[in-house]
Amino acid sequence: MAGFCATLVLPALDHRFVCSAVPAHLSIAGDILLLLSFLFFIVVFKENTYVASTIQVEEGQKVVSTGLYACLRHPL
């Protein structure tokens, strides 16, 4: 959770105090890519409640073949 908060707070502090030589447009592009990756994970977790970084078979688990799983078998 601290890492997540840092990804949101540190770019703002960098912009405010000009700590690095990274142009603003690159920082904004990076923030947009980060936001898109979080949205991607939210979609995957919403589609499959059994999602995990390691595949395990559990009782009552069903095969998901909709959403992102229609294109990729294991999007994580």
PDB file of N, CA and C in Angstrom:
ATOM      1  N   MET A   1       0.822  -1.193   0.000  1.00  0.00           N
ATOM      2  CA  MET A   1       0.000   0.000   0.000  1.00  0.00           C
ATOM      3  C   MET A   1       0.867   1.258   0.000  1.00  0.00           C
ATOM      4  N   ALA A   2       1.988   1.198   0.703  1.00  0.00           N
ATOM      5  CA  ALA A   2       2.885   2.355   0.733  1.00  0.00           C
ATOM      6  C   ALA A   2       3.461   2.622  -0.654  1.00  0.00           C
ATOM      7  N   GLY A   3       3.781   1.562  -1.392  1.00  0.00           N
ATOM      8  CA  GLY A   3       4.298   1.732  -2.755  1.00  0.00           C
ATOM      9  C   GLY A   3       3.266   2.364  -3.669  1.00  0.00           C
ATOM     10  N   PHE A   4       2.004   1.953  -3.527  1.00  0.00           N
ATOM     11  CA  PHE A   4       0.937   2.539  -4.325  1.00  0.00           C
ATOM     12  C   PHE A   4       0.797   4.026  -4.031  1.00  0.00           C
ATOM     13  N   CYS A   5       0.799   4.380  -2.757  1.00  0.00           N
ATOM     14  CA  CYS A   5       0.692   5.791  -2.376  1.00  0.00           C
ATOM     15  C   CYS A   5       1.888   6.592  -2.893  1.00  0.00           C
ATOM     16  N   ALA A   6       3.063   5.986  -2.851  1.00  0.00           N
ATOM     17  CA  ALA A   6       4.260   6.673  -3.328  1.00  0.00           C
ATOM     18  C   ALA A   6       4.185   6.963  -4.820  1.00  0.00           C
ATOM     19  N   THR A   7       3.577   6.043  -5.602  1.00  0.00           N
ATOM     20  CA  THR A   7       3.475   6.287  -7.045  1.00  0.00           C
ATOM     21  C   THR A   7       2.554   7.450  -7.359  1.00  0.00           C
ATOM     22  N   LEU A   8       1.679   7.795  -6.433  1.00  0.00           N
ATOM     23  CA  LEU A   8       0.801   8.941  -6.643  1.00  0.00           C
ATOM     24  C   LEU A   8       1.379  10.236  -6.064  1.00  0.00           C
ATOM     25  N   VAL A   9       2.071  10.130  -4.947  1.00  0.00           N
ATOM     26  CA  VAL A   9       2.556  11.322  -4.254  1.00  0.00           C
ATOM     27  C   VAL A   9       3.893  11.821  -4.806  1.00  0.00           C
ATOM     28  N   LEU A  10       4.827  10.932  -5.082  1.00  0.00           N
ATOM     29  CA  LEU A  10       6.163  11.353  -5.508  1.00  0.00           C
ATOM     30  C   LEU A  10       6.185  12.160  -6.810  1.00  0.00           C
ATOM     31  N   PRO A  11       5.424  11.807  -7.844  1.00  0.00           N
ATOM     32  CA  PRO A  11       5.426  12.651  -9.038  1.00  0.00           C
ATOM     33  C   PRO A  11       4.920  14.072  -8.759  1.00  0.00           C
ATOM     34  N   ALA A  12       3.928  14.193  -7.878  1.00  0.00           N
ATOM     35  CA  ALA A  12       3.424  15.523  -7.534  1.00  0.00           C
ATOM     36  C   ALA A  12       4.481  16.334  -6.789  1.00  0.00           C
ATOM     37  N   LEU A  13       5.189  15.695  -5.866  1.00  0.00           N
ATOM     38  CA  LEU A  13       6.259  16.391  -5.146  1.00  0.00           C
ATOM     39  C   LEU A  13       7.402  16.763  -6.077  1.00  0.00           C
ATOM     40  N   ASP A  14       7.716  15.872  -7.007  1.00  0.00           N
ATOM     41  CA  ASP A  14       8.762  16.156  -7.982  1.00  0.00           C
ATOM     42  C   ASP A  14       8.390  17.366  -8.837  1.00  0.00           C
ATOM     43  N   HIS A  15       7.142  17.434  -9.248  1.00  0.00           N
ATOM     44  CA  HIS A  15       6.696  18.570 -10.056  1.00  0.00           C
ATOM     45  C   HIS A  15       6.733  19.866  -9.241  1.00  0.00           C
ATOM     46  N   ARG A  16       6.323  19.773  -7.973  1.00  0.00           N
ATOM     47  CA  ARG A  16       6.271  20.973  -7.122  1.00  0.00           C
ATOM     48  C   ARG A  16       7.653  21.514  -6.797  1.00  0.00           C
ATOM     49  N   PHE A  17       8.599  20.632  -6.474  1.00  0.00           N
ATOM     50  CA  PHE A  17       9.913  21.071  -6.031  1.00  0.00           C
ATOM     51  C   PHE A  17      10.997  20.923  -7.101  1.00  0.00           C
ATOM     52  N   VAL A  18      10.648  20.459  -8.281  1.00  0.00           N
ATOM     53  CA  VAL A  18      11.550  20.277  -9.424  1.00  0.00           C
ATOM     54  C   VAL A  18      12.828  19.554  -8.980  1.00  0.00           C
ATOM     55  N   CYS A  19      12.655  18.317  -8.525  1.00  0.00           N
ATOM     56  CA  CYS A  19      13.784  17.524  -8.035  1.00  0.00           C
ATOM     57  C   CYS A  19      14.520  16.791  -9.144  1.00  0.00           C
ATOM     58  N   SER A  20      13.887  16.596 -10.293  1.00  0.00           N
ATOM     59  CA  SER A  20      14.538  15.840 -11.361  1.00  0.00           C
ATOM     60  C   SER A  20      14.460  16.600 -12.677  1.00  0.00           C
ATOM     61  N   ALA A  21      15.181  16.083 -13.651  1.00  0.00           N
ATOM     62  CA  ALA A  21      15.222  16.719 -14.968  1.00  0.00           C
ATOM     63  C   ALA A  21      14.228  16.085 -15.930  1.00  0.00           C
ATOM     64  N   VAL A  22      13.287  15.309 -15.422  1.00  0.00           N
ATOM     65  CA  VAL A  22      12.288  14.660 -16.272  1.00  0.00           C
ATOM     66  C   VAL A  22      11.269  15.705 -16.713  1.00  0.00           C
ATOM     67  N   PRO A  23      11.064  15.837 -18.028  1.00  0.00           N
ATOM     68  CA  PRO A  23      10.074  16.811 -18.509  1.00  0.00           C
ATOM     69  C   PRO A  23       8.664  16.463 -18.024  1.00  0.00           C
ATOM     70  N   ALA A  24       7.838  17.462 -17.869  1.00  0.00           N
ATOM     71  CA  ALA A  24       6.490  17.281 -17.339  1.00  0.00           C
ATOM     72  C   ALA A  24       5.661  16.344 -18.213  1.00  0.00           C
ATOM     73  N   HIS A  25       5.814  16.448 -19.535  1.00  0.00           N
ATOM     74  CA  HIS A  25       4.994  15.607 -20.408  1.00  0.00           C
ATOM     75  C   HIS A  25       5.339  14.119 -20.255  1.00  0.00           C
ATOM     76  N   LEU A  26       6.585  13.794 -19.964  1.00  0.00           N
ATOM     77  CA  LEU A  26       6.956  12.398 -19.721  1.00  0.00           C
ATOM     78  C   LEU A  26       6.408  11.904 -18.382  1.00  0.00           C
ATOM     79  N   SER A  27       6.402  12.778 -17.410  1.00  0.00           N
ATOM     80  CA  SER A  27       5.848  12.421 -16.107  1.00  0.00           C
ATOM     81  C   SER A  27       4.343  12.177 -16.217  1.00  0.00           C
ATOM     82  N   ILE A  28       3.658  13.002 -16.970  1.00  0.00           N
ATOM     83  CA  ILE A  28       2.220  12.838 -17.167  1.00  0.00           C
ATOM     84  C   ILE A  28       1.939  11.557 -17.947  1.00  0.00           C
ATOM     85  N   ALA A  29       2.745  11.275 -18.978  1.00  0.00           N
ATOM     86  CA  ALA A  29       2.577  10.043 -19.754  1.00  0.00           C
ATOM     87  C   ALA A  29       2.773   8.818 -18.859  1.00  0.00           C
ATOM     88  N   GLY A  30       3.758   8.853 -17.990  1.00  0.00           N
ATOM     89  CA  GLY A  30       3.989   7.755 -17.053  1.00  0.00           C
ATOM     90  C   GLY A  30       2.832   7.575 -16.094  1.00  0.00           C
ATOM     91  N   ASP A  31       2.263   8.683 -15.613  1.00  0.00           N
ATOM     92  CA  ASP A  31       1.107   8.599 -14.715  1.00  0.00           C
ATOM     93  C   ASP A  31      -0.102   7.996 -15.429  1.00  0.00           C
ATOM     94  N   ILE A  32      -0.288   8.351 -16.690  1.00  0.00           N
ATOM     95  CA  ILE A  32      -1.401   7.802 -17.469  1.00  0.00           C
ATOM     96  C   ILE A  32      -1.212   6.302 -17.674  1.00  0.00           C
ATOM     97  N   LEU A  33      -0.002   5.871 -17.990  1.00  0.00           N
ATOM     98  CA  LEU A  33       0.274   4.440 -18.153  1.00  0.00           C
ATOM     99  C   LEU A  33       0.056   3.679 -16.843  1.00  0.00           C
ATOM    100  N   LEU A  34       0.444   4.274 -15.744  1.00  0.00           N
ATOM    101  CA  LEU A  34       0.227   3.655 -14.433  1.00  0.00           C
ATOM    102  C   LEU A  34      -1.261   3.508 -14.149  1.00  0.00           C
ATOM    103  N   LEU A  35      -2.031   4.546 -14.432  1.00  0.00           N
ATOM    104  CA  LEU A  35      -3.471   4.496 -14.237  1.00  0.00           C
ATOM    105  C   LEU A  35      -4.106   3.416 -15.113  1.00  0.00           C
ATOM    106  N   LEU A  36      -3.680   3.320 -16.370  1.00  0.00           N
ATOM    107  CA  LEU A  36      -4.208   2.297 -17.267  1.00  0.00           C
ATOM    108  C   LEU A  36      -3.885   0.892 -16.774  1.00  0.00           C
ATOM    109  N   SER A  37      -2.692   0.705 -16.205  1.00  0.00           N
ATOM    110  CA  SER A  37      -2.340  -0.621 -15.686  1.00  0.00           C
ATOM    111  C   SER A  37      -3.207  -0.986 -14.483  1.00  0.00           C
ATOM    112  N   PHE A  38      -3.512  -0.008 -13.617  1.00  0.00           N
ATOM    113  CA  PHE A  38      -4.398  -0.271 -12.489  1.00  0.00           C
ATOM    114  C   PHE A  38      -5.805  -0.607 -12.975  1.00  0.00           C
ATOM    115  N   LEU A  39      -6.282   0.090 -13.998  1.00  0.00           N
ATOM    116  CA  LEU A  39      -7.596  -0.206 -14.561  1.00  0.00           C
ATOM    117  C   LEU A  39      -7.626  -1.606 -15.167  1.00  0.00           C
ATOM    118  N   PHE A  40      -6.534  -2.011 -15.806  1.00  0.00           N
ATOM    119  CA  PHE A  40      -6.418  -3.349 -16.375  1.00  0.00           C
ATOM    120  C   PHE A  40      -6.569  -4.399 -15.275  1.00  0.00           C
ATOM    121  N   PHE A  41      -5.892  -4.220 -14.164  1.00  0.00           N
ATOM    122  CA  PHE A  41      -5.988  -5.172 -13.058  1.00  0.00           C
ATOM    123  C   PHE A  41      -7.393  -5.201 -12.454  1.00  0.00           C
ATOM    124  N   ILE A  42      -8.035  -4.043 -12.362  1.00  0.00           N
ATOM    125  CA  ILE A  42      -9.400  -3.997 -11.831  1.00  0.00           C
ATOM    126  C   ILE A  42     -10.346  -4.798 -12.724  1.00  0.00           C
ATOM    127  N   VAL A  43     -10.195  -4.644 -14.046  1.00  0.00           N
ATOM    128  CA  VAL A  43     -11.042  -5.390 -14.980  1.00  0.00           C
ATOM    129  C   VAL A  43     -10.809  -6.890 -14.825  1.00  0.00           C
ATOM    130  N   VAL A  44      -9.560  -7.297 -14.708  1.00  0.00           N
ATOM    131  CA  VAL A  44      -9.245  -8.722 -14.558  1.00  0.00           C
ATOM    132  C   VAL A  44      -9.811  -9.263 -13.253  1.00  0.00           C
ATOM    133  N   PHE A  45      -9.638  -8.545 -12.149  1.00  0.00           N
ATOM    134  CA  PHE A  45     -10.160  -9.015 -10.862  1.00  0.00           C
ATOM    135  C   PHE A  45     -11.682  -9.065 -10.857  1.00  0.00           C
ATOM    136  N   LYS A  46     -12.319  -8.142 -11.563  1.00  0.00           N
ATOM    137  CA  LYS A  46     -13.775  -8.129 -11.628  1.00  0.00           C
ATOM    138  C   LYS A  46     -14.298  -9.299 -12.460  1.00  0.00           C
ATOM    139  N   GLU A  47     -13.583  -9.641 -13.526  1.00  0.00           N
ATOM    140  CA  GLU A  47     -13.992 -10.718 -14.421  1.00  0.00           C
ATOM    141  C   GLU A  47     -13.828 -12.093 -13.777  1.00  0.00           C
ATOM    142  N   ASN A  48     -12.762 -12.281 -13.028  1.00  0.00           N
ATOM    143  CA  ASN A  48     -12.456 -13.593 -12.463  1.00  0.00           C
ATOM    144  C   ASN A  48     -12.137 -13.437 -10.981  1.00  0.00           C
ATOM    145  N   THR A  49     -13.012 -13.930 -10.132  1.00  0.00           N
ATOM    146  CA  THR A  49     -12.806 -13.787  -8.687  1.00  0.00           C
ATOM    147  C   THR A  49     -11.738 -14.737  -8.150  1.00  0.00           C
ATOM    148  N   TYR A  50     -11.314 -15.720  -8.947  1.00  0.00           N
ATOM    149  CA  TYR A  50     -10.277 -16.661  -8.526  1.00  0.00           C
ATOM    150  C   TYR A  50      -8.892 -16.231  -9.009  1.00  0.00           C
ATOM    151  N   VAL A  51      -8.751 -15.043  -9.541  1.00  0.00           N
ATOM    152  CA  VAL A  51      -7.496 -14.623 -10.158  1.00  0.00           C
ATOM    153  C   VAL A  51      -6.367 -14.561  -9.124  1.00  0.00           C
ATOM    154  N   ALA A  52      -5.198 -15.011  -9.551  1.00  0.00           N
ATOM    155  CA  ALA A  52      -3.997 -14.972  -8.719  1.00  0.00           C
ATOM    156  C   ALA A  52      -2.789 -15.047  -9.646  1.00  0.00           C
ATOM    157  N   SER A  53      -1.629 -14.709  -9.146  1.00  0.00           N
ATOM    158  CA  SER A  53      -0.421 -14.767  -9.977  1.00  0.00           C
ATOM    159  C   SER A  53       0.018 -16.202 -10.221  1.00  0.00           C
ATOM    160  N   THR A  54      -0.406 -17.129  -9.372  1.00  0.00           N
ATOM    161  CA  THR A  54      -0.149 -18.557  -9.599  1.00  0.00           C
ATOM    162  C   THR A  54      -1.488 -19.251  -9.795  1.00  0.00           C
ATOM    163  N   ILE A  55      -1.523 -20.163 -10.727  1.00  0.00           N
ATOM    164  CA  ILE A  55      -2.767 -20.845 -11.059  1.00  0.00           C
ATOM    165  C   ILE A  55      -2.990 -21.996 -10.087  1.00  0.00           C
ATOM    166  N   GLN A  56      -4.170 -22.013  -9.459  1.00  0.00           N
ATOM    167  CA  GLN A  56      -4.558 -23.088  -8.553  1.00  0.00           C
ATOM    168  C   GLN A  56      -5.978 -23.517  -8.898  1.00  0.00           C
ATOM    169  N   VAL A  57      -6.245 -24.787  -8.768  1.00  0.00           N
ATOM    170  CA  VAL A  57      -7.591 -25.306  -9.002  1.00  0.00           C
ATOM    171  C   VAL A  57      -8.292 -25.414  -7.662  1.00  0.00           C
ATOM    172  N   GLU A  58      -9.481 -24.810  -7.576  1.00  0.00           N
ATOM    173  CA  GLU A  58     -10.265 -24.853  -6.346  1.00  0.00           C
ATOM    174  C   GLU A  58     -11.649 -25.395  -6.649  1.00  0.00           C
ATOM    175  N   GLU A  59     -12.276 -25.928  -5.636  1.00  0.00           N
ATOM    176  CA  GLU A  59     -13.628 -26.465  -5.801  1.00  0.00           C
ATOM    177  C   GLU A  59     -14.603 -25.335  -6.135  1.00  0.00           C
ATOM    178  N   GLY A  60     -15.455 -25.592  -7.115  1.00  0.00           N
ATOM    179  CA  GLY A  60     -16.446 -24.590  -7.510  1.00  0.00           C
ATOM    180  C   GLY A  60     -15.919 -23.579  -8.518  1.00  0.00           C
ATOM    181  N   GLN A  61     -14.679 -23.693  -8.879  1.00  0.00           N
ATOM    182  CA  GLN A  61     -14.066 -22.753  -9.823  1.00  0.00           C
ATOM    183  C   GLN A  61     -14.559 -23.079 -11.230  1.00  0.00           C
ATOM    184  N   LYS A  62     -14.853 -22.040 -12.012  1.00  0.00           N
ATOM    185  CA  LYS A  62     -15.312 -22.253 -13.381  1.00  0.00           C
ATOM    186  C   LYS A  62     -14.336 -21.601 -14.359  1.00  0.00           C
ATOM    187  N   VAL A  63     -14.387 -22.043 -15.589  1.00  0.00           N
ATOM    188  CA  VAL A  63     -13.524 -21.492 -16.635  1.00  0.00           C
ATOM    189  C   VAL A  63     -14.130 -20.183 -17.117  1.00  0.00           C
ATOM    190  N   VAL A  64     -13.356 -19.117 -17.073  1.00  0.00           N
ATOM    191  CA  VAL A  64     -13.807 -17.810 -17.527  1.00  0.00           C
ATOM    192  C   VAL A  64     -13.295 -17.606 -18.940  1.00  0.00           C
ATOM    193  N   SER A  65     -14.188 -17.311 -19.868  1.00  0.00           N
ATOM    194  CA  SER A  65     -13.786 -17.117 -21.262  1.00  0.00           C
ATOM    195  C   SER A  65     -14.364 -15.832 -21.843  1.00  0.00           C
ATOM    196  N   THR A  66     -14.699 -14.874 -20.996  1.00  0.00           N
ATOM    197  CA  THR A  66     -15.228 -13.591 -21.452  1.00  0.00           C
ATOM    198  C   THR A  66     -14.263 -12.477 -21.078  1.00  0.00           C
ATOM    199  N   GLY A  67     -14.507 -11.288 -21.558  1.00  0.00           N
ATOM    200  CA  GLY A  67     -13.659 -10.135 -21.245  1.00  0.00           C
ATOM    201  C   GLY A  67     -12.243 -10.335 -21.750  1.00  0.00           C
ATOM    202  N   LEU A  68     -11.264 -10.009 -20.916  1.00  0.00           N
ATOM    203  CA  LEU A  68      -9.864 -10.168 -21.303  1.00  0.00           C
ATOM    204  C   LEU A  68      -9.474 -11.625 -21.480  1.00  0.00           C
ATOM    205  N   TYR A  69     -10.209 -12.514 -20.811  1.00  0.00           N
ATOM    206  CA  TYR A  69      -9.913 -13.938 -20.921  1.00  0.00           C
ATOM    207  C   TYR A  69     -10.307 -14.510 -22.275  1.00  0.00           C
ATOM    208  N   ALA A  70     -11.080 -13.768 -23.073  1.00  0.00           N
ATOM    209  CA  ALA A  70     -11.397 -14.222 -24.433  1.00  0.00           C
ATOM    210  C   ALA A  70     -10.159 -14.113 -25.319  1.00  0.00           C
ATOM    211  N   CYS A  71      -9.241 -13.209 -24.980  1.00  0.00           N
ATOM    212  CA  CYS A  71      -8.014 -13.018 -25.772  1.00  0.00           C
ATOM    213  C   CYS A  71      -6.816 -13.747 -25.167  1.00  0.00           C
ATOM    214  N   LEU A  72      -6.703 -13.713 -23.846  1.00  0.00           N
ATOM    215  CA  LEU A  72      -5.575 -14.307 -23.139  1.00  0.00           C
ATOM    216  C   LEU A  72      -6.089 -15.281 -22.079  1.00  0.00           C
ATOM    217  N   ARG A  73      -5.421 -16.369 -21.905  1.00  0.00           N
ATOM    218  CA  ARG A  73      -5.878 -17.335 -20.911  1.00  0.00           C
ATOM    219  C   ARG A  73      -5.579 -16.872 -19.488  1.00  0.00           C
ATOM    220  N   HIS A  74      -4.450 -16.256 -19.281  1.00  0.00           N
ATOM    221  CA  HIS A  74      -4.059 -15.809 -17.940  1.00  0.00           C
ATOM    222  C   HIS A  74      -3.445 -14.408 -18.059  1.00  0.00           C
ATOM    223  N   PRO A  75      -4.271 -13.349 -18.083  1.00  0.00           N
ATOM    224  CA  PRO A  75      -3.775 -12.002 -18.344  1.00  0.00           C
ATOM    225  C   PRO A  75      -2.773 -11.446 -17.333  1.00  0.00           C
ATOM    226  N   LEU A  76      -2.701 -12.017 -16.141  1.00  0.00           N
ATOM    227  CA  LEU A  76      -1.716 -11.509 -15.188  1.00  0.00           C
ATOM    228  C   LEU A  76      -0.353 -12.015 -15.550  1.00  0.00           C
TER     229      LEU A  76
END
